[in-house]
Amino acid sequence: MQNLNEVRFIGHVGNDPIFKEISANFKAASFSLATSDTFEKDGNKQPITHWHNCEARNGLAEIVSKYVKKGSPVFVSGKLAYDKYTPEGATKEIVKAKIVLDRVIVLDKNEG
């Protein structure tokens, strides 16, 4: 059986991308993405916002840093990945999920 690790979202960018040039061969741009949903509470539908950490790398990072802005409606696709780290002085390891992007489409027609 073959494995599959793919996620796709349409949402709004929560912050301007943060671009970093780690080395001559590795660049990254990260931003948060908001998606919305509803859940039922006491017979009434309630809105809920989910936040997703996104990271574009290398050439896509340069494109994201140039064209993606806070509030932009975007389609993103990529793979789910996890970063593990232990903050200094902490006893527990923290696991942070992110989407490593392979595709970003800005859906706002005014963005060009």
PDB file of N, CA and C in Angstrom:
ATOM      1  N   MET A   1       0.839  -1.176   0.000  1.00  0.00           N
ATOM      2  CA  MET A   1       0.000   0.000   0.000  1.00  0.00           C
ATOM      3  C   MET A   1       0.886   1.241   0.000  1.00  0.00           C
ATOM      4  N   GLN A   2       0.516   2.209  -0.826  1.00  0.00           N
ATOM      5  CA  GLN A   2       1.252   3.461  -0.901  1.00  0.00           C
ATOM      6  C   GLN A   2       0.677   4.454   0.101  1.00  0.00           C
ATOM      7  N   ASN A   3       1.547   5.266   0.695  1.00  0.00           N
ATOM      8  CA  ASN A   3       1.110   6.288   1.646  1.00  0.00           C
ATOM      9  C   ASN A   3       0.796   7.587   0.923  1.00  0.00           C
ATOM     10  N   LEU A   4      -0.012   8.417   1.575  1.00  0.00           N
ATOM     11  CA  LEU A   4      -0.375   9.721   1.020  1.00  0.00           C
ATOM     12  C   LEU A   4      -0.322  10.757   2.122  1.00  0.00           C
ATOM     13  N   ASN A   5       0.388  11.842   1.885  1.00  0.00           N
ATOM     14  CA  ASN A   5       0.460  12.959   2.817  1.00  0.00           C
ATOM     15  C   ASN A   5       0.215  14.208   2.002  1.00  0.00           C
ATOM     16  N   GLU A   6      -1.036  14.633   1.913  1.00  0.00           N
ATOM     17  CA  GLU A   6      -1.390  15.815   1.144  1.00  0.00           C
ATOM     18  C   GLU A   6      -2.534  16.538   1.839  1.00  0.00           C
ATOM     19  N   VAL A   7      -2.392  17.863   1.944  1.00  0.00           N
ATOM     20  CA  VAL A   7      -3.461  18.691   2.495  1.00  0.00           C
ATOM     21  C   VAL A   7      -3.721  19.835   1.534  1.00  0.00           C
ATOM     22  N   ARG A   8      -4.967  20.284   1.495  1.00  0.00           N
ATOM     23  CA  ARG A   8      -5.365  21.416   0.659  1.00  0.00           C
ATOM     24  C   ARG A   8      -6.333  22.273   1.459  1.00  0.00           C
ATOM     25  N   PHE A   9      -6.104  23.573   1.407  1.00  0.00           N
ATOM     26  CA  PHE A   9      -6.951  24.517   2.131  1.00  0.00           C
ATOM     27  C   PHE A   9      -7.232  25.737   1.264  1.00  0.00           C
ATOM     28  N   ILE A  10      -8.383  26.345   1.484  1.00  0.00           N
ATOM     29  CA  ILE A  10      -8.678  27.682   0.995  1.00  0.00           C
ATOM     30  C   ILE A  10      -8.983  28.500   2.232  1.00  0.00           C
ATOM     31  N   GLY A  11      -8.286  29.618   2.380  1.00  0.00           N
ATOM     32  CA  GLY A  11      -8.485  30.446   3.556  1.00  0.00           C
ATOM     33  C   GLY A  11      -7.902  31.825   3.344  1.00  0.00           C
ATOM     34  N   HIS A  12      -7.763  32.563   4.432  1.00  0.00           N
ATOM     35  CA  HIS A  12      -7.208  33.918   4.392  1.00  0.00           C
ATOM     36  C   HIS A  12      -5.902  33.960   5.187  1.00  0.00           C
ATOM     37  N   VAL A  13      -4.933  34.664   4.641  1.00  0.00           N
ATOM     38  CA  VAL A  13      -3.615  34.788   5.262  1.00  0.00           C
ATOM     39  C   VAL A  13      -3.732  35.673   6.501  1.00  0.00           C
ATOM     40  N   GLY A  14      -3.190  35.198   7.613  1.00  0.00           N
ATOM     41  CA  GLY A  14      -3.319  35.909   8.884  1.00  0.00           C
ATOM     42  C   GLY A  14      -2.242  36.941   9.135  1.00  0.00           C
ATOM     43  N   ASN A  15      -1.119  36.848   8.453  1.00  0.00           N
ATOM     44  CA  ASN A  15      -0.025  37.810   8.638  1.00  0.00           C
ATOM     45  C   ASN A  15       0.816  37.868   7.370  1.00  0.00           C
ATOM     46  N   ASP A  16       1.496  38.988   7.161  1.00  0.00           N
ATOM     47  CA  ASP A  16       2.412  39.052   6.029  1.00  0.00           C
ATOM     48  C   ASP A  16       3.468  37.966   6.193  1.00  0.00           C
ATOM     49  N   PRO A  17       3.825  37.283   5.118  1.00  0.00           N
ATOM     50  CA  PRO A  17       4.831  36.223   5.225  1.00  0.00           C
ATOM     51  C   PRO A  17       6.156  36.728   5.785  1.00  0.00           C
ATOM     52  N   ILE A  18       6.791  35.886   6.568  1.00  0.00           N
ATOM     53  CA  ILE A  18       8.115  36.170   7.112  1.00  0.00           C
ATOM     54  C   ILE A  18       9.119  35.399   6.255  1.00  0.00           C
ATOM     55  N   PHE A  19       9.975  36.140   5.555  1.00  0.00           N
ATOM     56  CA  PHE A  19      10.935  35.545   4.631  1.00  0.00           C
ATOM     57  C   PHE A  19      12.294  35.448   5.308  1.00  0.00           C
ATOM     58  N   LYS A  20      12.926  34.267   5.200  1.00  0.00           N
ATOM     59  CA  LYS A  20      14.258  34.062   5.758  1.00  0.00           C
ATOM     60  C   LYS A  20      15.126  33.349   4.738  1.00  0.00           C
ATOM     61  N   GLU A  21      16.338  33.856   4.573  1.00  0.00           N
ATOM     62  CA  GLU A  21      17.318  33.170   3.738  1.00  0.00           C
ATOM     63  C   GLU A  21      18.261  32.453   4.692  1.00  0.00           C
ATOM     64  N   ILE A  22      18.030  31.158   4.865  1.00  0.00           N
ATOM     65  CA  ILE A  22      18.779  30.351   5.821  1.00  0.00           C
ATOM     66  C   ILE A  22      20.215  30.152   5.341  1.00  0.00           C
ATOM     67  N   SER A  23      20.375  29.849   4.054  1.00  0.00           N
ATOM     68  CA  SER A  23      21.687  29.689   3.437  1.00  0.00           C
ATOM     69  C   SER A  23      21.546  30.055   1.958  1.00  0.00           C
ATOM     70  N   ALA A  24      22.622  29.939   1.224  1.00  0.00           N
ATOM     71  CA  ALA A  24      22.556  30.241  -0.208  1.00  0.00           C
ATOM     72  C   ALA A  24      21.620  29.282  -0.939  1.00  0.00           C
ATOM     73  N   ASN A  25      21.420  28.101  -0.383  1.00  0.00           N
ATOM     74  CA  ASN A  25      20.606  27.073  -1.035  1.00  0.00           C
ATOM     75  C   ASN A  25      19.242  26.858  -0.389  1.00  0.00           C
ATOM     76  N   PHE A  26      18.907  27.605   0.659  1.00  0.00           N
ATOM     77  CA  PHE A  26      17.632  27.364   1.336  1.00  0.00           C
ATOM     78  C   PHE A  26      17.007  28.667   1.808  1.00  0.00           C
ATOM     79  N   LYS A  27      15.805  28.919   1.305  1.00  0.00           N
ATOM     80  CA  LYS A  27      15.011  30.082   1.699  1.00  0.00           C
ATOM     81  C   LYS A  27      13.663  29.577   2.179  1.00  0.00           C
ATOM     82  N   ALA A  28      13.041  30.329   3.088  1.00  0.00           N
ATOM     83  CA  ALA A  28      11.727  29.938   3.601  1.00  0.00           C
ATOM     84  C   ALA A  28      10.878  31.180   3.839  1.00  0.00           C
ATOM     85  N   ALA A  29       9.588  31.050   3.591  1.00  0.00           N
ATOM     86  CA  ALA A  29       8.616  32.096   3.909  1.00  0.00           C
ATOM     87  C   ALA A  29       7.488  31.417   4.673  1.00  0.00           C
ATOM     88  N   SER A  30       7.164  31.959   5.842  1.00  0.00           N
ATOM     89  CA  SER A  30       6.112  31.342   6.656  1.00  0.00           C
ATOM     90  C   SER A  30       5.004  32.345   6.937  1.00  0.00           C
ATOM     91  N   PHE A  31       3.785  31.820   7.052  1.00  0.00           N
ATOM     92  CA  PHE A  31       2.624  32.636   7.379  1.00  0.00           C
ATOM     93  C   PHE A  31       1.557  31.739   7.991  1.00  0.00           C
ATOM     94  N   SER A  32       0.581  32.362   8.637  1.00  0.00           N
ATOM     95  CA  SER A  32      -0.541  31.613   9.183  1.00  0.00           C
ATOM     96  C   SER A  32      -1.719  31.733   8.220  1.00  0.00           C
ATOM     97  N   LEU A  33      -2.536  30.704   8.194  1.00  0.00           N
ATOM     98  CA  LEU A  33      -3.704  30.655   7.322  1.00  0.00           C
ATOM     99  C   LEU A  33      -4.935  30.358   8.167  1.00  0.00           C
ATOM    100  N   ALA A  34      -5.976  31.164   7.996  1.00  0.00           N
ATOM    101  CA  ALA A  34      -7.226  30.970   8.732  1.00  0.00           C
ATOM    102  C   ALA A  34      -8.254  30.303   7.838  1.00  0.00           C
ATOM    103  N   THR A  35      -8.860  29.237   8.360  1.00  0.00           N
ATOM    104  CA  THR A  35     -10.012  28.632   7.707  1.00  0.00           C
ATOM    105  C   THR A  35     -11.157  28.658   8.706  1.00  0.00           C
ATOM    106  N   SER A  36     -12.372  28.700   8.203  1.00  0.00           N
ATOM    107  CA  SER A  36     -13.508  28.780   9.117  1.00  0.00           C
ATOM    108  C   SER A  36     -14.436  27.588   8.933  1.00  0.00           C
ATOM    109  N   ASP A  37     -15.164  27.314   9.978  1.00  0.00           N
ATOM    110  CA  ASP A  37     -16.076  26.177  10.019  1.00  0.00           C
ATOM    111  C   ASP A  37     -17.200  26.548  10.982  1.00  0.00           C
ATOM    112  N   THR A  38     -18.153  25.682  11.133  1.00  0.00           N
ATOM    113  CA  THR A  38     -19.208  25.889  12.124  1.00  0.00           C
ATOM    114  C   THR A  38     -19.376  24.619  12.942  1.00  0.00           C
ATOM    115  N   PHE A  39     -19.861  24.785  14.163  1.00  0.00           N
ATOM    116  CA  PHE A  39     -20.221  23.650  14.996  1.00  0.00           C
ATOM    117  C   PHE A  39     -21.549  23.987  15.665  1.00  0.00           C
ATOM    118  N   GLU A  40     -22.238  22.945  16.095  1.00  0.00           N
ATOM    119  CA  GLU A  40     -23.547  23.155  16.704  1.00  0.00           C
ATOM    120  C   GLU A  40     -23.440  23.132  18.218  1.00  0.00           C
ATOM    121  N   LYS A  41     -23.994  24.163  18.843  1.00  0.00           N
ATOM    122  CA  LYS A  41     -24.016  24.263  20.299  1.00  0.00           C
ATOM    123  C   LYS A  41     -25.410  24.702  20.719  1.00  0.00           C
ATOM    124  N   ASP A  42     -26.049  23.897  21.529  1.00  0.00           N
ATOM    125  CA  ASP A  42     -27.404  24.180  22.006  1.00  0.00           C
ATOM    126  C   ASP A  42     -28.371  24.430  20.855  1.00  0.00           C
ATOM    127  N   GLY A  43     -28.201  23.688  19.763  1.00  0.00           N
ATOM    128  CA  GLY A  43     -29.095  23.815  18.619  1.00  0.00           C
ATOM    129  C   GLY A  43     -28.789  24.976  17.695  1.00  0.00           C
ATOM    130  N   ASN A  44     -27.767  25.747  18.006  1.00  0.00           N
ATOM    131  CA  ASN A  44     -27.385  26.890  17.167  1.00  0.00           C
ATOM    132  C   ASN A  44     -26.017  26.659  16.546  1.00  0.00           C
ATOM    133  N   LYS A  45     -25.878  27.053  15.298  1.00  0.00           N
ATOM    134  CA  LYS A  45     -24.579  26.943  14.628  1.00  0.00           C
ATOM    135  C   LYS A  45     -23.684  28.081  15.081  1.00  0.00           C
ATOM    136  N   GLN A  46     -22.473  27.725  15.476  1.00  0.00           N
ATOM    137  CA  GLN A  46     -21.489  28.693  15.946  1.00  0.00           C
ATOM    138  C   GLN A  46     -20.281  28.671  15.010  1.00  0.00           C
ATOM    139  N   PRO A  47     -19.771  29.835  14.638  1.00  0.00           N
ATOM    140  CA  PRO A  47     -18.574  29.852  13.780  1.00  0.00           C
ATOM    141  C   PRO A  47     -17.320  29.560  14.599  1.00  0.00           C
ATOM    142  N   ILE A  48     -16.346  28.955  13.945  1.00  0.00           N
ATOM    143  CA  ILE A  48     -15.051  28.706  14.574  1.00  0.00           C
ATOM    144  C   ILE A  48     -13.963  28.906  13.514  1.00  0.00           C
ATOM    145  N   THR A  49     -12.858  29.501  13.922  1.00  0.00           N
ATOM    146  CA  THR A  49     -11.726  29.718  13.029  1.00  0.00           C
ATOM    147  C   THR A  49     -10.607  28.769  13.427  1.00  0.00           C
ATOM    148  N   HIS A  50     -10.034  28.107  12.425  1.00  0.00           N
ATOM    149  CA  HIS A  50      -8.879  27.235  12.628  1.00  0.00           C
ATOM    150  C   HIS A  50      -7.664  27.930  12.018  1.00  0.00           C
ATOM    151  N   TRP A  51      -6.523  27.885  12.718  1.00  0.00           N
ATOM    152  CA  TRP A  51      -5.289  28.501  12.235  1.00  0.00           C
ATOM    153  C   TRP A  51      -4.283  27.422  11.866  1.00  0.00           C
ATOM    154  N   HIS A  52      -3.634  27.600  10.720  1.00  0.00           N
ATOM    155  CA  HIS A  52      -2.667  26.635  10.199  1.00  0.00           C
ATOM    156  C   HIS A  52      -1.354  27.360   9.907  1.00  0.00           C
ATOM    157  N   ASN A  53      -0.247  26.765  10.317  1.00  0.00           N
ATOM    158  CA  ASN A  53       1.078  27.308  10.025  1.00  0.00           C
ATOM    159  C   ASN A  53       1.516  26.790   8.658  1.00  0.00           C
ATOM    160  N   CYS A  54       1.940  27.699   7.783  1.00  0.00           N
ATOM    161  CA  CYS A  54       2.354  27.338   6.432  1.00  0.00           C
ATOM    162  C   CYS A  54       3.789  27.775   6.191  1.00  0.00           C
ATOM    163  N   GLU A  55       4.521  26.965   5.431  1.00  0.00           N
ATOM    164  CA  GLU A  55       5.902  27.290   5.080  1.00  0.00           C
ATOM    165  C   GLU A  55       6.165  26.961   3.619  1.00  0.00           C
ATOM    166  N   ALA A  56       6.598  27.982   2.875  1.00  0.00           N
ATOM    167  CA  ALA A  56       7.030  27.798   1.491  1.00  0.00           C
ATOM    168  C   ALA A  56       8.550  27.808   1.484  1.00  0.00           C
ATOM    169  N   ARG A  57       9.130  27.058   0.564  1.00  0.00           N
ATOM    170  CA  ARG A  57      10.585  26.950   0.529  1.00  0.00           C
ATOM    171  C   ARG A  57      11.145  27.334  -0.831  1.00  0.00           C
ATOM    172  N   ASN A  58      12.361  27.859  -0.797  1.00  0.00           N
ATOM    173  CA  ASN A  58      13.168  28.189  -1.978  1.00  0.00           C
ATOM    174  C   ASN A  58      12.424  29.086  -2.968  1.00  0.00           C
ATOM    175  N   GLY A  59      12.233  28.670  -4.215  1.00  0.00           N
ATOM    176  CA  GLY A  59      11.602  29.522  -5.221  1.00  0.00           C
ATOM    177  C   GLY A  59      10.183  29.925  -4.855  1.00  0.00           C
ATOM    178  N   LEU A  60       9.429  28.990  -4.304  1.00  0.00           N
ATOM    179  CA  LEU A  60       8.064  29.306  -3.892  1.00  0.00           C
ATOM    180  C   LEU A  60       8.067  30.309  -2.740  1.00  0.00           C
ATOM    181  N   ALA A  61       9.081  30.261  -1.884  1.00  0.00           N
ATOM    182  CA  ALA A  61       9.190  31.225  -0.782  1.00  0.00           C
ATOM    183  C   ALA A  61       9.353  32.641  -1.318  1.00  0.00           C
ATOM    184  N   GLU A  62      10.147  32.793  -2.363  1.00  0.00           N
ATOM    185  CA  GLU A  62      10.338  34.111  -2.963  1.00  0.00           C
ATOM    186  C   GLU A  62       9.038  34.635  -3.566  1.00  0.00           C
ATOM    187  N   ILE A  63       8.297  33.770  -4.235  1.00  0.00           N
ATOM    188  CA  ILE A  63       7.013  34.162  -4.830  1.00  0.00           C
ATOM    189  C   ILE A  63       6.013  34.541  -3.737  1.00  0.00           C
ATOM    190  N   VAL A  64       5.936  33.717  -2.693  1.00  0.00           N
ATOM    191  CA  VAL A  64       5.021  33.990  -1.581  1.00  0.00           C
ATOM    192  C   VAL A  64       5.347  35.332  -0.930  1.00  0.00           C
ATOM    193  N   SER A  65       6.629  35.593  -0.683  1.00  0.00           N
ATOM    194  CA  SER A  65       6.993  36.838  -0.015  1.00  0.00           C
ATOM    195  C   SER A  65       6.671  38.065  -0.874  1.00  0.00           C
ATOM    196  N   LYS A  66       6.621  37.880  -2.178  1.00  0.00           N
ATOM    197  CA  LYS A  66       6.331  38.989  -3.085  1.00  0.00           C
ATOM    198  C   LYS A  66       4.827  39.226  -3.277  1.00  0.00           C
ATOM    199  N   TYR A  67       4.030  38.169  -3.381  1.00  0.00           N
ATOM    200  CA  TYR A  67       2.627  38.311  -3.782  1.00  0.00           C
ATOM    201  C   TYR A  67       1.595  38.043  -2.693  1.00  0.00           C
ATOM    202  N   VAL A  68       1.956  37.343  -1.647  1.00  0.00           N
ATOM    203  CA  VAL A  68       0.991  37.002  -0.596  1.00  0.00           C
ATOM    204  C   VAL A  68       1.070  38.041   0.509  1.00  0.00           C
ATOM    205  N   LYS A  69      -0.073  38.554   0.907  1.00  0.00           N
ATOM    206  CA  LYS A  69      -0.140  39.582   1.943  1.00  0.00           C
ATOM    207  C   LYS A  69      -1.202  39.216   2.981  1.00  0.00           C
ATOM    208  N   LYS A  70      -1.116  39.846   4.142  1.00  0.00           N
ATOM    209  CA  LYS A  70      -2.111  39.645   5.188  1.00  0.00           C
ATOM    210  C   LYS A  70      -3.500  39.908   4.608  1.00  0.00           C
ATOM    211  N   GLY A  71      -4.423  38.985   4.854  1.00  0.00           N
ATOM    212  CA  GLY A  71      -5.792  39.122   4.371  1.00  0.00           C
ATOM    213  C   GLY A  71      -6.049  38.509   3.012  1.00  0.00           C
ATOM    214  N   SER A  72      -4.981  38.160   2.272  1.00  0.00           N
ATOM    215  CA  SER A  72      -5.157  37.572   0.941  1.00  0.00           C
ATOM    216  C   SER A  72      -5.925  36.258   1.023  1.00  0.00           C
ATOM    217  N   PRO A  73      -6.942  36.076   0.162  1.00  0.00           N
ATOM    218  CA  PRO A  73      -7.557  34.762   0.061  1.00  0.00           C
ATOM    219  C   PRO A  73      -6.653  33.881  -0.802  1.00  0.00           C
ATOM    220  N   VAL A  74      -6.315  32.691  -0.315  1.00  0.00           N
ATOM    221  CA  VAL A  74      -5.401  31.816  -1.046  1.00  0.00           C
ATOM    222  C   VAL A  74      -5.870  30.368  -1.016  1.00  0.00           C
ATOM    223  N   PHE A  75      -5.454  29.642  -2.047  1.00  0.00           N
ATOM    224  CA  PHE A  75      -5.523  28.183  -2.073  1.00  0.00           C
ATOM    225  C   PHE A  75      -4.103  27.710  -1.833  1.00  0.00           C
ATOM    226  N   VAL A  76      -3.926  26.770  -0.906  1.00  0.00           N
ATOM    227  CA  VAL A  76      -2.610  26.187  -0.669  1.00  0.00           C
ATOM    228  C   VAL A  76      -2.715  24.672  -0.684  1.00  0.00           C
ATOM    229  N   SER A  77      -1.655  24.028  -1.126  1.00  0.00           N
ATOM    230  CA  SER A  77      -1.563  22.573  -1.001  1.00  0.00           C
ATOM    231  C   SER A  77      -0.137  22.227  -0.622  1.00  0.00           C
ATOM    232  N   GLY A  78       0.001  21.104   0.048  1.00  0.00           N
ATOM    233  CA  GLY A  78       1.322  20.673   0.479  1.00  0.00           C
ATOM    234  C   GLY A  78       1.242  19.444   1.348  1.00  0.00           C
ATOM    235  N   LYS A  79       2.299  19.255   2.130  1.00  0.00           N
ATOM    236  CA  LYS A  79       2.401  18.085   3.012  1.00  0.00           C
ATOM    237  C   LYS A  79       2.398  18.527   4.459  1.00  0.00           C
ATOM    238  N   LEU A  80       1.788  17.732   5.301  1.00  0.00           N
ATOM    239  CA  LEU A  80       1.773  17.990   6.730  1.00  0.00           C
ATOM    240  C   LEU A  80       3.094  17.528   7.329  1.00  0.00           C
ATOM    241  N   ALA A  81       3.725  18.406   8.108  1.00  0.00           N
ATOM    242  CA  ALA A  81       4.997  18.095   8.751  1.00  0.00           C
ATOM    243  C   ALA A  81       4.938  18.555  10.201  1.00  0.00           C
ATOM    244  N   TYR A  82       5.846  18.053  11.004  1.00  0.00           N
ATOM    245  CA  TYR A  82       5.870  18.392  12.426  1.00  0.00           C
ATOM    246  C   TYR A  82       7.282  18.787  12.841  1.00  0.00           C
ATOM    247  N   ASP A  83       7.365  19.868  13.616  1.00  0.00           N
ATOM    248  CA  ASP A  83       8.626  20.275  14.232  1.00  0.00           C
ATOM    249  C   ASP A  83       8.547  19.902  15.700  1.00  0.00           C
ATOM    250  N   LYS A  84       9.605  19.305  16.217  1.00  0.00           N
ATOM    251  CA  LYS A  84       9.668  18.958  17.637  1.00  0.00           C
ATOM    252  C   LYS A  84      10.808  19.723  18.279  1.00  0.00           C
ATOM    253  N   TYR A  85      10.544  20.310  19.423  1.00  0.00           N
ATOM    254  CA  TYR A  85      11.595  21.012  20.142  1.00  0.00           C
ATOM    255  C   TYR A  85      11.242  21.075  21.622  1.00  0.00           C
ATOM    256  N   THR A  86      12.266  21.283  22.437  1.00  0.00           N
ATOM    257  CA  THR A  86      12.097  21.434  23.880  1.00  0.00           C
ATOM    258  C   THR A  86      12.614  22.819  24.262  1.00  0.00           C
ATOM    259  N   PRO A  87      11.714  23.717  24.666  1.00  0.00           N
ATOM    260  CA  PRO A  87      12.168  25.045  25.068  1.00  0.00           C
ATOM    261  C   PRO A  87      13.118  24.952  26.261  1.00  0.00           C
ATOM    262  N   GLU A  88      14.032  25.897  26.325  1.00  0.00           N
ATOM    263  CA  GLU A  88      15.006  25.908  27.411  1.00  0.00           C
ATOM    264  C   GLU A  88      14.283  25.954  28.758  1.00  0.00           C
ATOM    265  N   GLY A  89      14.646  25.063  29.651  1.00  0.00           N
ATOM    266  CA  GLY A  89      14.049  25.003  30.982  1.00  0.00           C
ATOM    267  C   GLY A  89      12.762  24.209  31.053  1.00  0.00           C
ATOM    268  N   ALA A  90      12.249  23.755  29.913  1.00  0.00           N
ATOM    269  CA  ALA A  90      11.008  22.982  29.916  1.00  0.00           C
ATOM    270  C   ALA A  90      11.309  21.495  30.060  1.00  0.00           C
ATOM    271  N   THR A  91      10.348  20.771  30.572  1.00  0.00           N
ATOM    272  CA  THR A  91      10.517  19.328  30.734  1.00  0.00           C
ATOM    273  C   THR A  91       9.788  18.546  29.657  1.00  0.00           C
ATOM    274  N   LYS A  92       8.904  19.209  28.909  1.00  0.00           N
ATOM    275  CA  LYS A  92       8.136  18.516  27.875  1.00  0.00           C
ATOM    276  C   LYS A  92       8.527  18.992  26.490  1.00  0.00           C
ATOM    277  N   GLU A  93       8.479  18.075  25.560  1.00  0.00           N
ATOM    278  CA  GLU A  93       8.752  18.380  24.162  1.00  0.00           C
ATOM    279  C   GLU A  93       7.495  18.983  23.543  1.00  0.00           C
ATOM    280  N   ILE A  94       7.664  19.997  22.715  1.00  0.00           N
ATOM    281  CA  ILE A  94       6.543  20.629  22.029  1.00  0.00           C
ATOM    282  C   ILE A  94       6.549  20.167  20.578  1.00  0.00           C
ATOM    283  N   VAL A  95       5.383  19.798  20.075  1.00  0.00           N
ATOM    284  CA  VAL A  95       5.235  19.383  18.689  1.00  0.00           C
ATOM    285  C   VAL A  95       4.361  20.425  17.994  1.00  0.00           C
ATOM    286  N   LYS A  96       4.878  20.970  16.905  1.00  0.00           N
ATOM    287  CA  LYS A  96       4.169  22.015  16.172  1.00  0.00           C
ATOM    288  C   LYS A  96       3.931  21.525  14.745  1.00  0.00           C
ATOM    289  N   ALA A  97       2.668  21.517  14.328  1.00  0.00           N
ATOM    290  CA  ALA A  97       2.324  21.084  12.974  1.00  0.00           C
ATOM    291  C   ALA A  97       2.457  22.252  12.012  1.00  0.00           C
ATOM    292  N   LYS A  98       2.858  21.949  10.776  1.00  0.00           N
ATOM    293  CA  LYS A  98       2.902  22.962   9.733  1.00  0.00           C
ATOM    294  C   LYS A  98       2.623  22.294   8.394  1.00  0.00           C
ATOM    295  N   ILE A  99       2.252  23.123   7.438  1.00  0.00           N
ATOM    296  CA  ILE A  99       2.047  22.649   6.076  1.00  0.00           C
ATOM    297  C   ILE A  99       3.236  23.132   5.253  1.00  0.00           C
ATOM    298  N   VAL A 100       4.006  22.193   4.718  1.00  0.00           N
ATOM    299  CA  VAL A 100       5.108  22.533   3.826  1.00  0.00           C
ATOM    300  C   VAL A 100       4.506  22.608   2.428  1.00  0.00           C
ATOM    301  N   LEU A 101       4.456  23.819   1.893  1.00  0.00           N
ATOM    302  CA  LEU A 101       3.694  24.091   0.678  1.00  0.00           C
ATOM    303  C   LEU A 101       4.417  23.676  -0.590  1.00  0.00           C
ATOM    304  N   ASP A 102       3.632  23.172  -1.548  1.00  0.00           N
ATOM    305  CA  ASP A 102       4.158  22.946  -2.883  1.00  0.00           C
ATOM    306  C   ASP A 102       3.377  23.745  -3.917  1.00  0.00           C
ATOM    307  N   ARG A 103       2.277  24.398  -3.467  1.00  0.00           N
ATOM    308  CA  ARG A 103       1.473  25.203  -4.384  1.00  0.00           C
ATOM    309  C   ARG A 103       0.726  26.278  -3.608  1.00  0.00           C
ATOM    310  N   VAL A 104       0.738  27.498  -4.133  1.00  0.00           N
ATOM    311  CA  VAL A 104      -0.013  28.620  -3.568  1.00  0.00           C
ATOM    312  C   VAL A 104      -0.646  29.387  -4.706  1.00  0.00           C
ATOM    313  N   ILE A 105      -1.944  29.624  -4.623  1.00  0.00           N
ATOM    314  CA  ILE A 105      -2.650  30.433  -5.607  1.00  0.00           C
ATOM    315  C   ILE A 105      -3.358  31.556  -4.874  1.00  0.00           C
ATOM    316  N   VAL A 106      -3.017  32.805  -5.204  1.00  0.00           N
ATOM    317  CA  VAL A 106      -3.718  33.951  -4.631  1.00  0.00           C
ATOM    318  C   VAL A 106      -5.039  34.082  -5.371  1.00  0.00           C
ATOM    319  N   LEU A 107      -6.148  34.072  -4.626  1.00  0.00           N
ATOM    320  CA  LEU A 107      -7.481  34.063  -5.230  1.00  0.00           C
ATOM    321  C   LEU A 107      -8.074  35.449  -5.431  1.00  0.00           C
ATOM    322  N   ASP A 108      -7.455  36.481  -4.900  1.00  0.00           N
ATOM    323  CA  ASP A 108      -7.941  37.845  -5.029  1.00  0.00           C
ATOM    324  C   ASP A 108      -7.588  38.365  -6.415  1.00  0.00           C
ATOM    325  N   LYS A 109      -8.584  38.657  -7.216  1.00  0.00           N
ATOM    326  CA  LYS A 109      -8.351  39.091  -8.593  1.00  0.00           C
ATOM    327  C   LYS A 109      -7.637  40.433  -8.654  1.00  0.00           C
ATOM    328  N   ASN A 110      -7.715  41.227  -7.590  1.00  0.00           N
ATOM    329  CA  ASN A 110      -7.052  42.530  -7.592  1.00  0.00           C
ATOM    330  C   ASN A 110      -5.556  42.444  -7.353  1.00  0.00           C
ATOM    331  N   GLU A 111      -5.065  41.273  -6.939  1.00  0.00           N
ATOM    332  CA  GLU A 111      -3.642  41.115  -6.639  1.00  0.00           C
ATOM    333  C   GLU A 111      -2.784  41.005  -7.882  1.00  0.00           C
ATOM    334  N   GLY A 112      -3.376  40.751  -9.040  1.00  0.00           N
ATOM    335  CA  GLY A 112      -2.589  40.624 -10.264  1.00  0.00           C
ATOM    336  C   GLY A 112      -2.081  39.230 -10.390  1.00  0.00           C
TER     337      GLY A 112
END
